[in-house]
N, C-alpha and C. Protein backbone atom coordinates (compact mmCIF):
# COMPACT_ATOMS: atom_id res chain seq x y z
N MET A 1 6.44 4.15 1.22
CA MET A 1 5.68 3.06 1.76
C MET A 1 4.93 3.52 3.05
N VAL A 2 3.69 3.31 3.07
CA VAL A 2 2.81 3.72 4.19
C VAL A 2 2.67 2.62 5.19
N ALA A 3 3.22 2.89 6.36
CA ALA A 3 3.15 1.78 7.46
C ALA A 3 2.92 2.46 8.76
N ALA A 4 1.91 3.41 8.80
CA ALA A 4 1.56 4.13 10.00
C ALA A 4 0.24 3.82 10.60
N GLY A 5 -0.32 2.63 10.17
CA GLY A 5 -1.64 2.28 10.66
C GLY A 5 -1.69 1.89 12.11
N THR A 6 -2.84 1.62 12.58
CA THR A 6 -3.08 1.39 14.02
C THR A 6 -3.06 -0.18 14.32
N SER A 7 -3.22 -1.02 13.33
CA SER A 7 -3.28 -2.49 13.45
C SER A 7 -4.34 -2.95 14.50
N LYS A 8 -5.49 -2.31 14.46
CA LYS A 8 -6.57 -2.56 15.36
C LYS A 8 -7.00 -4.03 15.27
N ARG A 9 -7.21 -4.56 14.07
CA ARG A 9 -7.71 -5.92 13.91
C ARG A 9 -6.60 -7.00 14.13
N MET A 10 -5.41 -6.58 14.52
CA MET A 10 -4.38 -7.53 14.92
C MET A 10 -4.35 -7.73 16.42
N GLY A 11 -5.32 -7.17 17.20
CA GLY A 11 -5.28 -7.23 18.60
C GLY A 11 -4.13 -6.45 19.18
N SER A 12 -3.30 -7.09 19.99
CA SER A 12 -2.18 -6.36 20.64
C SER A 12 -0.88 -6.32 19.80
N ALA A 13 -0.92 -7.09 18.66
CA ALA A 13 0.23 -7.18 17.82
C ALA A 13 0.34 -5.88 16.90
N ASP A 14 1.51 -5.44 16.66
CA ASP A 14 1.84 -4.46 15.70
C ASP A 14 2.28 -5.12 14.38
N LYS A 15 1.32 -5.16 13.37
CA LYS A 15 1.54 -6.01 12.23
C LYS A 15 2.80 -5.64 11.49
N ILE A 16 3.02 -4.24 11.40
CA ILE A 16 4.21 -3.78 10.60
C ILE A 16 5.48 -4.38 10.99
N PHE A 17 5.68 -4.54 12.20
CA PHE A 17 6.92 -5.06 12.80
C PHE A 17 6.85 -6.50 13.28
N SER A 18 5.66 -7.19 12.95
CA SER A 18 5.54 -8.55 13.35
C SER A 18 6.61 -9.37 12.63
N GLU A 19 7.08 -10.38 13.33
CA GLU A 19 8.10 -11.21 12.74
C GLU A 19 7.53 -12.17 11.76
N LEU A 20 8.18 -12.24 10.57
CA LEU A 20 7.71 -13.05 9.47
C LEU A 20 8.93 -13.78 8.95
N LEU A 21 9.07 -15.09 9.25
CA LEU A 21 10.22 -15.92 8.87
C LEU A 21 11.55 -15.25 9.35
N GLY A 22 11.44 -14.70 10.52
CA GLY A 22 12.68 -14.14 11.15
C GLY A 22 12.98 -12.74 10.70
N ARG A 23 12.10 -12.06 10.02
CA ARG A 23 12.34 -10.60 9.61
C ARG A 23 11.07 -9.80 9.93
N PRO A 24 11.19 -8.55 10.17
CA PRO A 24 9.99 -7.74 10.30
C PRO A 24 9.16 -7.68 8.97
N LEU A 25 7.91 -7.80 9.10
CA LEU A 25 7.07 -7.84 8.05
C LEU A 25 7.32 -6.74 7.00
N VAL A 26 7.42 -5.54 7.48
CA VAL A 26 7.61 -4.41 6.58
C VAL A 26 8.87 -4.46 5.72
N SER A 27 9.84 -5.28 6.10
CA SER A 27 11.14 -5.33 5.46
C SER A 27 11.02 -5.99 4.08
N TYR A 28 10.06 -6.94 3.91
CA TYR A 28 9.97 -7.65 2.67
C TYR A 28 9.58 -6.78 1.43
N SER A 29 8.53 -6.04 1.46
CA SER A 29 8.18 -5.19 0.37
C SER A 29 9.22 -4.03 0.22
N LEU A 30 9.74 -3.53 1.33
CA LEU A 30 10.67 -2.47 1.26
C LEU A 30 11.92 -2.92 0.54
N SER A 31 12.37 -4.15 0.78
CA SER A 31 13.50 -4.67 -0.01
C SER A 31 13.24 -4.81 -1.44
N VAL A 32 12.04 -5.25 -1.84
CA VAL A 32 11.71 -5.42 -3.24
C VAL A 32 11.78 -3.99 -3.89
N LEU A 33 11.17 -3.00 -3.17
CA LEU A 33 11.22 -1.65 -3.82
C LEU A 33 12.65 -1.12 -3.97
N LEU A 34 13.49 -1.36 -2.99
CA LEU A 34 14.85 -0.77 -3.00
C LEU A 34 15.76 -1.53 -4.05
N GLN A 35 15.34 -2.78 -4.37
CA GLN A 35 16.14 -3.55 -5.29
C GLN A 35 15.74 -3.31 -6.76
N SER A 36 14.55 -2.55 -6.90
CA SER A 36 14.03 -2.34 -8.31
C SER A 36 14.68 -1.18 -8.91
N LYS A 37 15.06 -1.29 -10.17
CA LYS A 37 15.70 -0.23 -10.92
C LYS A 37 14.66 0.95 -11.21
N LEU A 38 13.41 0.70 -10.89
CA LEU A 38 12.34 1.73 -11.20
C LEU A 38 12.37 2.67 -9.99
N VAL A 39 12.97 2.37 -8.84
CA VAL A 39 12.77 3.21 -7.65
C VAL A 39 14.10 3.97 -7.39
N ASP A 40 14.06 5.29 -7.30
CA ASP A 40 15.19 6.14 -7.12
C ASP A 40 15.37 6.55 -5.65
N GLU A 41 14.20 6.75 -5.07
CA GLU A 41 14.16 7.26 -3.61
C GLU A 41 13.01 6.53 -2.85
N ALA A 42 13.24 6.21 -1.58
CA ALA A 42 12.24 5.62 -0.73
C ALA A 42 12.05 6.26 0.54
N ILE A 43 10.71 6.41 0.84
CA ILE A 43 10.26 6.95 2.11
C ILE A 43 9.52 5.90 2.93
N LEU A 44 9.85 5.71 4.16
CA LEU A 44 9.10 4.78 5.03
C LEU A 44 8.41 5.56 6.06
N VAL A 45 7.04 5.62 5.92
CA VAL A 45 6.22 6.35 6.89
C VAL A 45 5.68 5.50 7.96
N VAL A 46 6.02 5.76 9.20
CA VAL A 46 5.63 4.97 10.31
C VAL A 46 4.94 5.79 11.44
N ALA A 47 4.25 5.13 12.27
CA ALA A 47 3.60 5.79 13.32
C ALA A 47 4.69 6.21 14.36
N ASP A 48 4.40 7.23 15.10
CA ASP A 48 5.35 7.91 16.07
C ASP A 48 5.94 6.81 17.04
N HIS A 49 5.05 5.95 17.48
CA HIS A 49 5.49 4.92 18.49
C HIS A 49 6.46 3.91 17.91
N ASN A 50 6.48 3.78 16.52
CA ASN A 50 7.35 2.87 15.83
C ASN A 50 8.61 3.47 15.34
N ILE A 51 8.91 4.62 15.60
CA ILE A 51 10.02 5.33 14.92
C ILE A 51 11.33 4.64 15.37
N LYS A 52 11.49 4.18 16.67
CA LYS A 52 12.72 3.59 17.12
C LYS A 52 12.92 2.23 16.43
N LYS A 53 11.88 1.46 16.33
CA LYS A 53 11.93 0.23 15.64
C LYS A 53 12.34 0.36 14.25
N ALA A 54 11.82 1.39 13.60
CA ALA A 54 12.16 1.64 12.18
C ALA A 54 13.59 2.10 12.05
N GLU A 55 14.05 2.90 13.04
CA GLU A 55 15.46 3.34 12.94
C GLU A 55 16.45 2.12 13.06
N VAL A 56 16.10 1.13 13.90
CA VAL A 56 16.85 -0.07 14.13
C VAL A 56 16.87 -0.84 12.85
N LEU A 57 15.72 -1.10 12.24
CA LEU A 57 15.56 -1.86 10.96
C LEU A 57 16.42 -1.20 9.91
N LEU A 58 16.32 0.00 9.68
CA LEU A 58 17.08 0.66 8.61
C LEU A 58 18.58 0.63 8.88
N ARG A 59 18.97 0.80 10.05
CA ARG A 59 20.38 0.81 10.43
C ARG A 59 21.03 -0.59 10.23
N GLU A 60 20.30 -1.68 10.57
CA GLU A 60 20.75 -3.01 10.53
C GLU A 60 20.64 -3.67 9.09
N ALA A 61 19.63 -3.30 8.41
CA ALA A 61 19.38 -4.00 7.12
C ALA A 61 19.61 -3.25 5.82
N TYR A 62 19.80 -1.95 5.92
CA TYR A 62 19.96 -1.18 4.67
C TYR A 62 21.06 -0.20 4.84
N PRO A 63 21.73 0.13 3.62
CA PRO A 63 22.83 1.08 3.61
C PRO A 63 22.29 2.44 4.10
N GLU A 64 23.16 3.15 4.75
CA GLU A 64 22.80 4.51 5.32
C GLU A 64 22.28 5.44 4.28
N GLY A 65 21.20 6.09 4.39
CA GLY A 65 20.73 7.00 3.43
C GLY A 65 19.91 6.49 2.37
N GLN A 66 19.69 5.15 2.33
CA GLN A 66 18.90 4.58 1.24
C GLN A 66 17.39 4.76 1.44
N VAL A 67 16.97 4.87 2.70
CA VAL A 67 15.58 5.08 3.02
C VAL A 67 15.44 6.29 4.00
N GLN A 68 14.53 7.17 3.64
CA GLN A 68 14.15 8.31 4.54
C GLN A 68 13.01 7.88 5.50
N LEU A 69 13.13 8.27 6.75
CA LEU A 69 12.00 7.90 7.69
C LEU A 69 11.14 9.12 7.80
N CYS A 70 9.86 8.92 8.02
CA CYS A 70 8.86 9.99 8.20
C CYS A 70 7.84 9.43 9.18
N ILE A 71 7.47 10.34 10.12
CA ILE A 71 6.43 10.09 11.08
C ILE A 71 5.05 10.36 10.40
N GLY A 72 4.12 9.39 10.41
CA GLY A 72 2.90 9.59 9.80
C GLY A 72 1.89 10.45 10.49
N GLY A 73 0.77 10.71 9.88
CA GLY A 73 -0.28 11.57 10.36
C GLY A 73 -1.44 10.72 10.94
N GLU A 74 -2.49 11.41 11.29
CA GLU A 74 -3.61 10.82 11.91
C GLU A 74 -4.38 9.80 10.94
N ARG A 75 -4.46 10.21 9.74
CA ARG A 75 -5.17 9.43 8.71
C ARG A 75 -4.17 8.89 7.68
N ARG A 76 -4.50 7.85 6.91
CA ARG A 76 -3.62 7.34 5.89
C ARG A 76 -3.29 8.40 4.97
N GLN A 77 -4.22 9.18 4.47
CA GLN A 77 -3.97 10.26 3.55
C GLN A 77 -2.95 11.32 4.11
N ASP A 78 -2.98 11.59 5.42
CA ASP A 78 -2.10 12.47 5.98
C ASP A 78 -0.67 11.90 5.98
N SER A 79 -0.56 10.61 6.16
CA SER A 79 0.77 9.92 6.08
C SER A 79 1.38 9.99 4.74
N VAL A 80 0.47 9.83 3.67
CA VAL A 80 0.94 9.79 2.32
C VAL A 80 1.44 11.31 2.01
N ARG A 81 0.61 12.24 2.44
CA ARG A 81 1.01 13.64 2.17
C ARG A 81 2.31 14.03 2.79
N LEU A 82 2.58 13.57 4.00
CA LEU A 82 3.82 13.86 4.70
C LEU A 82 5.02 13.20 4.06
N GLY A 83 4.83 11.96 3.53
CA GLY A 83 5.86 11.32 2.77
C GLY A 83 6.13 11.98 1.36
N LEU A 84 4.99 12.42 0.81
CA LEU A 84 5.13 13.16 -0.50
C LEU A 84 5.89 14.41 -0.40
N ASP A 85 5.79 15.06 0.75
CA ASP A 85 6.55 16.27 0.94
C ASP A 85 8.06 16.15 0.81
N LEU A 86 8.54 14.84 1.13
CA LEU A 86 9.93 14.50 1.19
C LEU A 86 10.42 14.14 -0.22
N LEU A 87 9.57 14.16 -1.22
CA LEU A 87 9.99 13.74 -2.57
C LEU A 87 9.60 14.85 -3.54
N PRO A 88 10.23 16.06 -3.39
CA PRO A 88 9.88 17.17 -4.20
C PRO A 88 10.29 17.04 -5.71
N HIS A 89 11.31 16.22 -5.99
CA HIS A 89 11.85 16.19 -7.32
C HIS A 89 11.50 14.94 -8.13
N CYS A 90 10.60 14.11 -7.57
CA CYS A 90 10.23 12.89 -8.35
C CYS A 90 9.11 13.18 -9.39
N ASP A 91 9.17 12.59 -10.58
CA ASP A 91 8.12 12.71 -11.49
C ASP A 91 7.03 11.77 -11.24
N TRP A 92 7.36 10.66 -10.69
CA TRP A 92 6.32 9.54 -10.47
C TRP A 92 6.46 9.11 -8.97
N ILE A 93 5.27 8.87 -8.41
CA ILE A 93 5.19 8.40 -7.01
C ILE A 93 4.47 7.00 -6.99
N VAL A 94 5.13 6.13 -6.30
CA VAL A 94 4.58 4.83 -6.08
C VAL A 94 4.21 4.67 -4.55
N ILE A 95 2.97 4.36 -4.34
CA ILE A 95 2.51 4.23 -2.95
C ILE A 95 2.19 2.79 -2.64
N HIS A 96 2.78 2.25 -1.62
CA HIS A 96 2.61 0.85 -1.27
C HIS A 96 2.25 0.72 0.19
N ASP A 97 1.36 -0.22 0.57
CA ASP A 97 1.01 -0.53 1.89
C ASP A 97 2.19 -1.38 2.56
N GLY A 98 2.64 -0.93 3.69
CA GLY A 98 3.63 -1.66 4.37
C GLY A 98 3.14 -2.96 4.87
N ALA A 99 1.80 -3.19 4.96
CA ALA A 99 1.22 -4.35 5.43
C ALA A 99 1.05 -5.48 4.30
N ARG A 100 1.60 -5.15 3.12
CA ARG A 100 1.57 -6.18 1.95
C ARG A 100 3.00 -6.66 1.73
N PRO A 101 3.39 -7.70 2.43
CA PRO A 101 4.83 -8.13 2.38
C PRO A 101 5.15 -8.91 1.10
N CYS A 102 4.19 -9.39 0.35
CA CYS A 102 4.44 -10.40 -0.72
C CYS A 102 4.46 -9.67 -2.08
N LEU A 103 4.96 -8.49 -2.05
CA LEU A 103 5.15 -7.62 -3.35
C LEU A 103 6.03 -8.27 -4.29
N ASP A 104 5.58 -8.33 -5.53
CA ASP A 104 6.47 -8.80 -6.72
C ASP A 104 6.80 -7.56 -7.54
N GLU A 105 8.05 -7.55 -7.93
CA GLU A 105 8.45 -6.35 -8.69
C GLU A 105 7.67 -6.23 -10.02
N LEU A 106 7.22 -7.32 -10.56
CA LEU A 106 6.43 -7.31 -11.79
C LEU A 106 5.22 -6.32 -11.67
N ILE A 107 4.66 -6.21 -10.57
CA ILE A 107 3.53 -5.33 -10.37
C ILE A 107 3.99 -3.89 -10.52
N LEU A 108 5.12 -3.50 -10.13
CA LEU A 108 5.69 -2.21 -10.29
C LEU A 108 5.79 -1.80 -11.83
N TRP A 109 6.32 -2.77 -12.60
CA TRP A 109 6.45 -2.56 -13.99
C TRP A 109 5.06 -2.36 -14.67
N ARG A 110 4.14 -3.22 -14.20
CA ARG A 110 2.77 -3.09 -14.83
C ARG A 110 2.15 -1.75 -14.48
N GLY A 111 2.40 -1.37 -13.28
CA GLY A 111 1.79 -0.09 -12.75
C GLY A 111 2.36 1.11 -13.46
N LEU A 112 3.65 1.19 -13.61
CA LEU A 112 4.29 2.34 -14.30
C LEU A 112 3.81 2.38 -15.83
N ASP A 113 3.73 1.20 -16.39
CA ASP A 113 3.25 1.16 -17.82
C ASP A 113 1.81 1.66 -17.90
N ALA A 114 1.03 1.22 -17.07
CA ALA A 114 -0.46 1.60 -17.09
C ALA A 114 -0.58 3.04 -16.83
N ALA A 115 0.18 3.63 -15.95
CA ALA A 115 0.08 4.98 -15.52
C ALA A 115 0.43 5.98 -16.56
N GLN A 116 1.21 5.50 -17.63
CA GLN A 116 1.60 6.43 -18.70
C GLN A 116 0.41 6.98 -19.40
N HIS A 117 -0.74 6.24 -19.37
CA HIS A 117 -1.88 6.66 -20.20
C HIS A 117 -2.62 7.77 -19.51
N THR A 118 -2.84 7.80 -18.23
CA THR A 118 -3.65 8.79 -17.59
C THR A 118 -2.93 9.52 -16.44
N GLY A 119 -1.74 9.08 -16.05
CA GLY A 119 -1.11 9.59 -14.92
C GLY A 119 -1.42 9.02 -13.58
N ALA A 120 -2.32 8.02 -13.59
CA ALA A 120 -2.67 7.31 -12.45
C ALA A 120 -3.15 5.88 -12.76
N ALA A 121 -2.64 4.98 -11.94
CA ALA A 121 -2.94 3.54 -12.14
C ALA A 121 -2.94 2.72 -10.83
N ILE A 122 -3.82 1.84 -10.76
CA ILE A 122 -3.98 1.01 -9.57
C ILE A 122 -4.08 -0.47 -9.90
N PRO A 123 -3.60 -1.34 -9.08
CA PRO A 123 -3.71 -2.83 -9.26
C PRO A 123 -5.05 -3.28 -8.78
N VAL A 124 -5.66 -4.16 -9.48
CA VAL A 124 -7.01 -4.75 -9.08
C VAL A 124 -6.98 -6.25 -9.27
N ILE A 125 -7.87 -6.95 -8.54
CA ILE A 125 -8.06 -8.33 -8.77
C ILE A 125 -9.52 -8.64 -8.79
N PRO A 126 -10.01 -9.58 -9.48
CA PRO A 126 -11.49 -9.93 -9.54
C PRO A 126 -11.86 -10.45 -8.17
N ILE A 127 -13.18 -10.29 -7.92
CA ILE A 127 -13.75 -10.78 -6.73
C ILE A 127 -14.45 -12.10 -6.97
N SER A 128 -14.07 -13.17 -6.27
CA SER A 128 -14.60 -14.48 -6.53
C SER A 128 -15.88 -14.81 -5.68
N ASP A 129 -15.98 -14.16 -4.57
CA ASP A 129 -17.10 -14.42 -3.65
C ASP A 129 -18.42 -13.75 -4.23
N THR A 130 -19.49 -14.29 -3.82
CA THR A 130 -20.81 -13.64 -4.11
C THR A 130 -20.91 -12.40 -3.14
N LEU A 131 -21.36 -11.31 -3.71
CA LEU A 131 -21.52 -10.08 -2.85
C LEU A 131 -22.93 -9.88 -2.48
N LYS A 132 -23.15 -9.59 -1.21
CA LYS A 132 -24.52 -9.24 -0.73
C LYS A 132 -24.58 -7.80 -0.14
N GLN A 133 -25.61 -7.10 -0.40
CA GLN A 133 -25.83 -5.90 0.30
C GLN A 133 -26.65 -6.16 1.49
N ILE A 134 -26.23 -5.64 2.62
CA ILE A 134 -26.87 -5.94 3.96
C ILE A 134 -27.52 -4.72 4.54
N SER A 135 -28.70 -4.87 5.04
CA SER A 135 -29.42 -3.69 5.64
C SER A 135 -28.94 -3.48 7.10
N ASP A 136 -29.42 -2.38 7.70
CA ASP A 136 -29.07 -2.02 8.99
C ASP A 136 -29.57 -3.06 9.97
N GLN A 137 -30.56 -3.80 9.59
CA GLN A 137 -31.13 -4.86 10.39
C GLN A 137 -30.39 -6.27 10.25
N HIS A 138 -29.26 -6.19 9.49
CA HIS A 138 -28.45 -7.34 9.24
C HIS A 138 -29.22 -8.38 8.46
N LEU A 139 -29.93 -7.94 7.52
CA LEU A 139 -30.73 -8.79 6.58
C LEU A 139 -30.12 -8.51 5.23
N VAL A 140 -30.23 -9.59 4.34
CA VAL A 140 -29.79 -9.41 2.95
C VAL A 140 -30.81 -8.58 2.17
N SER A 141 -30.42 -7.51 1.63
CA SER A 141 -31.32 -6.64 0.86
C SER A 141 -31.18 -6.76 -0.62
N ALA A 142 -29.99 -7.29 -1.11
CA ALA A 142 -29.74 -7.49 -2.54
C ALA A 142 -28.52 -8.35 -2.74
N THR A 143 -28.44 -9.00 -3.88
CA THR A 143 -27.28 -9.61 -4.34
C THR A 143 -26.68 -8.77 -5.45
N VAL A 144 -25.40 -8.42 -5.25
CA VAL A 144 -24.72 -7.48 -6.21
C VAL A 144 -24.02 -8.18 -7.32
N ASP A 145 -24.07 -7.71 -8.48
CA ASP A 145 -23.32 -8.30 -9.62
C ASP A 145 -21.81 -8.12 -9.40
N ARG A 146 -21.16 -9.14 -8.99
CA ARG A 146 -19.70 -9.05 -8.70
C ARG A 146 -18.84 -8.68 -9.90
N ASN A 147 -19.42 -8.98 -11.09
CA ASN A 147 -18.62 -8.68 -12.32
C ASN A 147 -18.23 -7.22 -12.44
N SER A 148 -18.98 -6.38 -11.81
CA SER A 148 -18.80 -4.90 -11.90
C SER A 148 -17.91 -4.42 -10.79
N PHE A 149 -17.46 -5.22 -9.97
CA PHE A 149 -16.65 -4.81 -8.83
C PHE A 149 -15.32 -5.59 -8.87
N TRP A 150 -14.17 -4.84 -8.41
CA TRP A 150 -12.82 -5.42 -8.38
C TRP A 150 -12.34 -5.00 -7.04
N ALA A 151 -11.48 -5.76 -6.49
CA ALA A 151 -10.75 -5.46 -5.19
C ALA A 151 -9.45 -4.70 -5.57
N THR A 152 -9.17 -3.62 -4.89
CA THR A 152 -8.01 -2.83 -5.11
C THR A 152 -6.80 -3.14 -4.18
N GLN A 153 -5.67 -3.08 -4.75
CA GLN A 153 -4.45 -3.37 -4.04
C GLN A 153 -3.46 -2.09 -4.11
N THR A 154 -2.31 -2.28 -3.60
CA THR A 154 -1.19 -1.34 -3.87
C THR A 154 -0.02 -2.31 -4.40
N PRO A 155 0.97 -1.68 -5.08
CA PRO A 155 1.30 -0.32 -5.19
C PRO A 155 0.44 0.41 -6.24
N GLN A 156 0.21 1.71 -5.91
CA GLN A 156 -0.56 2.61 -6.77
C GLN A 156 0.43 3.56 -7.26
N VAL A 157 0.36 3.94 -8.60
CA VAL A 157 1.33 4.77 -9.24
C VAL A 157 0.71 6.09 -9.79
N PHE A 158 1.34 7.19 -9.51
CA PHE A 158 0.82 8.46 -9.87
C PHE A 158 1.84 9.51 -10.38
N ARG A 159 1.47 10.32 -11.25
CA ARG A 159 2.31 11.50 -11.56
C ARG A 159 2.27 12.42 -10.32
N ARG A 160 3.43 12.88 -10.01
CA ARG A 160 3.53 13.60 -8.66
C ARG A 160 2.63 14.91 -8.68
N GLU A 161 2.57 15.61 -9.75
CA GLU A 161 1.90 16.84 -9.65
C GLU A 161 0.37 16.60 -9.58
N ILE A 162 -0.11 15.52 -10.16
CA ILE A 162 -1.51 15.15 -10.01
C ILE A 162 -1.86 14.74 -8.57
N LEU A 163 -0.98 13.97 -7.97
CA LEU A 163 -1.24 13.54 -6.65
C LEU A 163 -1.13 14.70 -5.68
N VAL A 164 -0.19 15.57 -5.84
CA VAL A 164 0.00 16.76 -4.96
C VAL A 164 -1.30 17.58 -5.07
N ARG A 165 -1.78 17.81 -6.26
CA ARG A 165 -3.01 18.61 -6.49
C ARG A 165 -4.19 17.97 -5.71
N ALA A 166 -4.31 16.68 -5.78
CA ALA A 166 -5.42 15.94 -5.11
C ALA A 166 -5.28 16.13 -3.62
N HIS A 167 -4.12 16.07 -3.02
CA HIS A 167 -4.01 16.19 -1.64
C HIS A 167 -4.25 17.62 -1.04
N GLN A 168 -3.95 18.53 -1.98
CA GLN A 168 -4.27 19.95 -1.60
C GLN A 168 -5.71 20.24 -1.65
N GLN A 169 -6.51 19.62 -2.54
CA GLN A 169 -7.89 19.96 -2.75
C GLN A 169 -8.88 19.04 -1.95
N ILE A 170 -8.45 17.78 -1.73
CA ILE A 170 -9.35 16.84 -0.99
C ILE A 170 -8.86 16.72 0.45
N THR A 171 -9.73 17.24 1.32
CA THR A 171 -9.30 17.19 2.80
C THR A 171 -10.19 16.21 3.55
N HIS A 172 -11.37 15.81 3.15
CA HIS A 172 -12.17 14.86 3.85
C HIS A 172 -11.60 13.46 3.72
N HIS A 173 -12.01 12.54 4.56
CA HIS A 173 -11.48 11.16 4.60
C HIS A 173 -11.80 10.43 3.31
N VAL A 174 -10.72 9.78 2.79
CA VAL A 174 -10.84 8.82 1.64
C VAL A 174 -10.07 7.60 2.03
N THR A 175 -10.34 6.49 1.37
CA THR A 175 -9.66 5.27 1.83
C THR A 175 -8.36 4.98 1.07
N ASP A 176 -8.23 5.64 -0.16
CA ASP A 176 -7.06 5.53 -0.85
C ASP A 176 -6.75 6.74 -1.81
N ASP A 177 -5.61 6.87 -2.24
CA ASP A 177 -5.24 8.02 -3.03
C ASP A 177 -5.98 8.13 -4.43
N SER A 178 -6.26 7.02 -4.98
CA SER A 178 -7.01 6.97 -6.28
C SER A 178 -8.29 7.56 -6.14
N GLY A 179 -8.94 7.37 -4.90
CA GLY A 179 -10.23 7.94 -4.69
C GLY A 179 -10.20 9.54 -4.70
N MET A 180 -9.16 10.05 -4.27
CA MET A 180 -9.04 11.49 -4.37
C MET A 180 -9.05 11.95 -5.81
N LEU A 181 -8.39 11.27 -6.69
CA LEU A 181 -8.29 11.64 -8.10
C LEU A 181 -9.65 11.41 -8.79
N GLU A 182 -10.33 10.44 -8.41
CA GLU A 182 -11.68 10.18 -8.90
C GLU A 182 -12.58 11.35 -8.60
N LEU A 183 -12.50 11.87 -7.43
CA LEU A 183 -13.38 13.00 -6.95
C LEU A 183 -13.04 14.21 -7.74
N LEU A 184 -11.80 14.31 -8.26
CA LEU A 184 -11.48 15.57 -9.01
C LEU A 184 -11.60 15.32 -10.53
N GLY A 185 -12.12 14.19 -10.88
CA GLY A 185 -12.44 13.89 -12.28
C GLY A 185 -11.28 13.31 -13.16
N TYR A 186 -10.19 12.98 -12.46
CA TYR A 186 -9.15 12.28 -13.18
C TYR A 186 -9.53 10.84 -13.56
N GLN A 187 -8.98 10.37 -14.64
CA GLN A 187 -9.17 8.93 -15.04
C GLN A 187 -8.09 8.18 -14.37
N VAL A 188 -8.52 7.04 -13.70
CA VAL A 188 -7.55 6.13 -13.05
C VAL A 188 -7.53 4.82 -13.90
N ARG A 189 -6.42 4.44 -14.36
CA ARG A 189 -6.26 3.30 -15.16
C ARG A 189 -6.06 2.10 -14.15
N VAL A 190 -6.59 0.90 -14.58
CA VAL A 190 -6.33 -0.34 -13.75
C VAL A 190 -5.43 -1.28 -14.46
N PHE A 191 -4.73 -2.02 -13.69
CA PHE A 191 -3.89 -3.17 -14.19
C PHE A 191 -4.00 -4.33 -13.32
N ASP A 192 -3.50 -5.43 -13.81
CA ASP A 192 -3.62 -6.70 -13.02
C ASP A 192 -2.74 -6.72 -11.72
N GLY A 193 -3.48 -6.99 -10.66
CA GLY A 193 -2.77 -7.19 -9.45
C GLY A 193 -2.43 -8.67 -9.25
N GLU A 194 -2.15 -9.06 -8.06
CA GLU A 194 -1.84 -10.43 -7.75
C GLU A 194 -2.57 -10.97 -6.55
N THR A 195 -3.22 -12.14 -6.62
CA THR A 195 -3.93 -12.67 -5.42
C THR A 195 -2.94 -12.87 -4.31
N THR A 196 -1.66 -13.12 -4.63
CA THR A 196 -0.66 -13.36 -3.63
C THR A 196 -0.22 -12.09 -2.89
N ASN A 197 -0.63 -10.91 -3.40
CA ASN A 197 -0.24 -9.73 -2.93
C ASN A 197 -1.22 -9.27 -1.73
N LEU A 198 -1.37 -10.08 -0.71
CA LEU A 198 -2.37 -9.94 0.25
C LEU A 198 -1.94 -8.86 1.20
N LYS A 199 -3.00 -8.30 1.87
CA LYS A 199 -2.68 -7.33 2.93
C LYS A 199 -2.91 -7.98 4.27
N VAL A 200 -1.89 -7.92 5.14
CA VAL A 200 -2.02 -8.62 6.51
C VAL A 200 -2.84 -7.70 7.35
N THR A 201 -3.96 -8.26 7.71
CA THR A 201 -4.96 -7.51 8.52
C THR A 201 -5.27 -8.17 9.82
N THR A 202 -5.30 -9.52 9.82
CA THR A 202 -5.65 -10.27 11.07
C THR A 202 -4.49 -11.27 11.25
N PRO A 203 -4.43 -11.83 12.50
CA PRO A 203 -3.37 -12.75 12.85
C PRO A 203 -3.29 -13.94 11.88
N PRO A 204 -4.42 -14.53 11.36
CA PRO A 204 -4.33 -15.54 10.39
C PRO A 204 -3.65 -15.22 9.12
N ASP A 205 -3.76 -13.98 8.77
CA ASP A 205 -3.06 -13.47 7.50
C ASP A 205 -1.54 -13.67 7.54
N LEU A 206 -0.99 -13.53 8.79
CA LEU A 206 0.48 -13.68 8.91
C LEU A 206 0.85 -15.14 8.53
N LYS A 207 0.11 -16.15 8.90
CA LYS A 207 0.41 -17.43 8.55
C LYS A 207 0.36 -17.71 6.98
N ILE A 208 -0.64 -17.05 6.40
CA ILE A 208 -0.80 -17.17 4.93
C ILE A 208 0.41 -16.48 4.24
N ALA A 209 0.84 -15.32 4.75
CA ALA A 209 1.92 -14.56 4.18
C ALA A 209 3.22 -15.37 4.34
N GLU A 210 3.41 -16.00 5.53
CA GLU A 210 4.58 -16.86 5.73
C GLU A 210 4.62 -18.02 4.64
N GLU A 211 3.51 -18.62 4.42
CA GLU A 211 3.56 -19.71 3.42
C GLU A 211 3.83 -19.18 1.96
N LEU A 212 3.33 -17.99 1.64
CA LEU A 212 3.56 -17.44 0.33
C LEU A 212 4.99 -17.07 0.16
N LEU A 213 5.64 -16.48 1.18
CA LEU A 213 7.01 -16.11 1.22
C LEU A 213 7.93 -17.37 1.13
N ARG A 214 7.53 -18.29 1.86
CA ARG A 214 8.26 -19.58 1.92
C ARG A 214 8.32 -20.26 0.48
N ALA A 215 7.15 -20.27 -0.08
CA ALA A 215 7.04 -20.86 -1.43
C ALA A 215 7.86 -20.15 -2.42
N ARG A 216 7.93 -18.75 -2.31
CA ARG A 216 8.65 -17.97 -3.23
C ARG A 216 10.14 -18.22 -3.09
N ALA A 217 10.65 -18.59 -1.87
CA ALA A 217 12.07 -18.79 -1.65
C ALA A 217 12.53 -20.22 -2.24
N ILE A 218 11.55 -21.06 -2.49
CA ILE A 218 11.88 -22.42 -2.99
C ILE A 218 12.50 -22.34 -4.39
């Protein structure tokens, strides 16, 4: 689980450890992963300034040794690589954003099933809004056919050897791991994500996540 971001759009708040219905945000999806029979080992990658908070969370909420802690790197892909180094014996790697607290285990099953075909699979959801291409002058230059575009989520699932190879060969900045594989010519399978699997990016997102989690508990 990658949770080493800067939370710039959250203002002064650190979204990963923001309180969500009395618990740290990151604990929700971490618990789903740990309770799944598909997951054998778990790595929590956090920023250096959050290591103490992470240690307290793991000590108070999870059995000793169930989760390994890892200090992240400068970029997201650096954090993934550092976590990957701690899983030398796994055949499959699942990468999930710590900022997505509303994870449903069903997505894990879909992802692993889809990844059997090509060794790489990512969850996607359709885009419902109209897409506009904007010029440098902040003017609309074109309306884009949204049917050709999908929004990507996590968890993303990869064969370990493919993912390691991608991290060894791609060193420039990419926004997610599937982008690395695309650059190397690998086919990336897609599967159905969930609109409820939102990424908490701004303070209002916390309220939405609270309502989603509260509804799930009913």
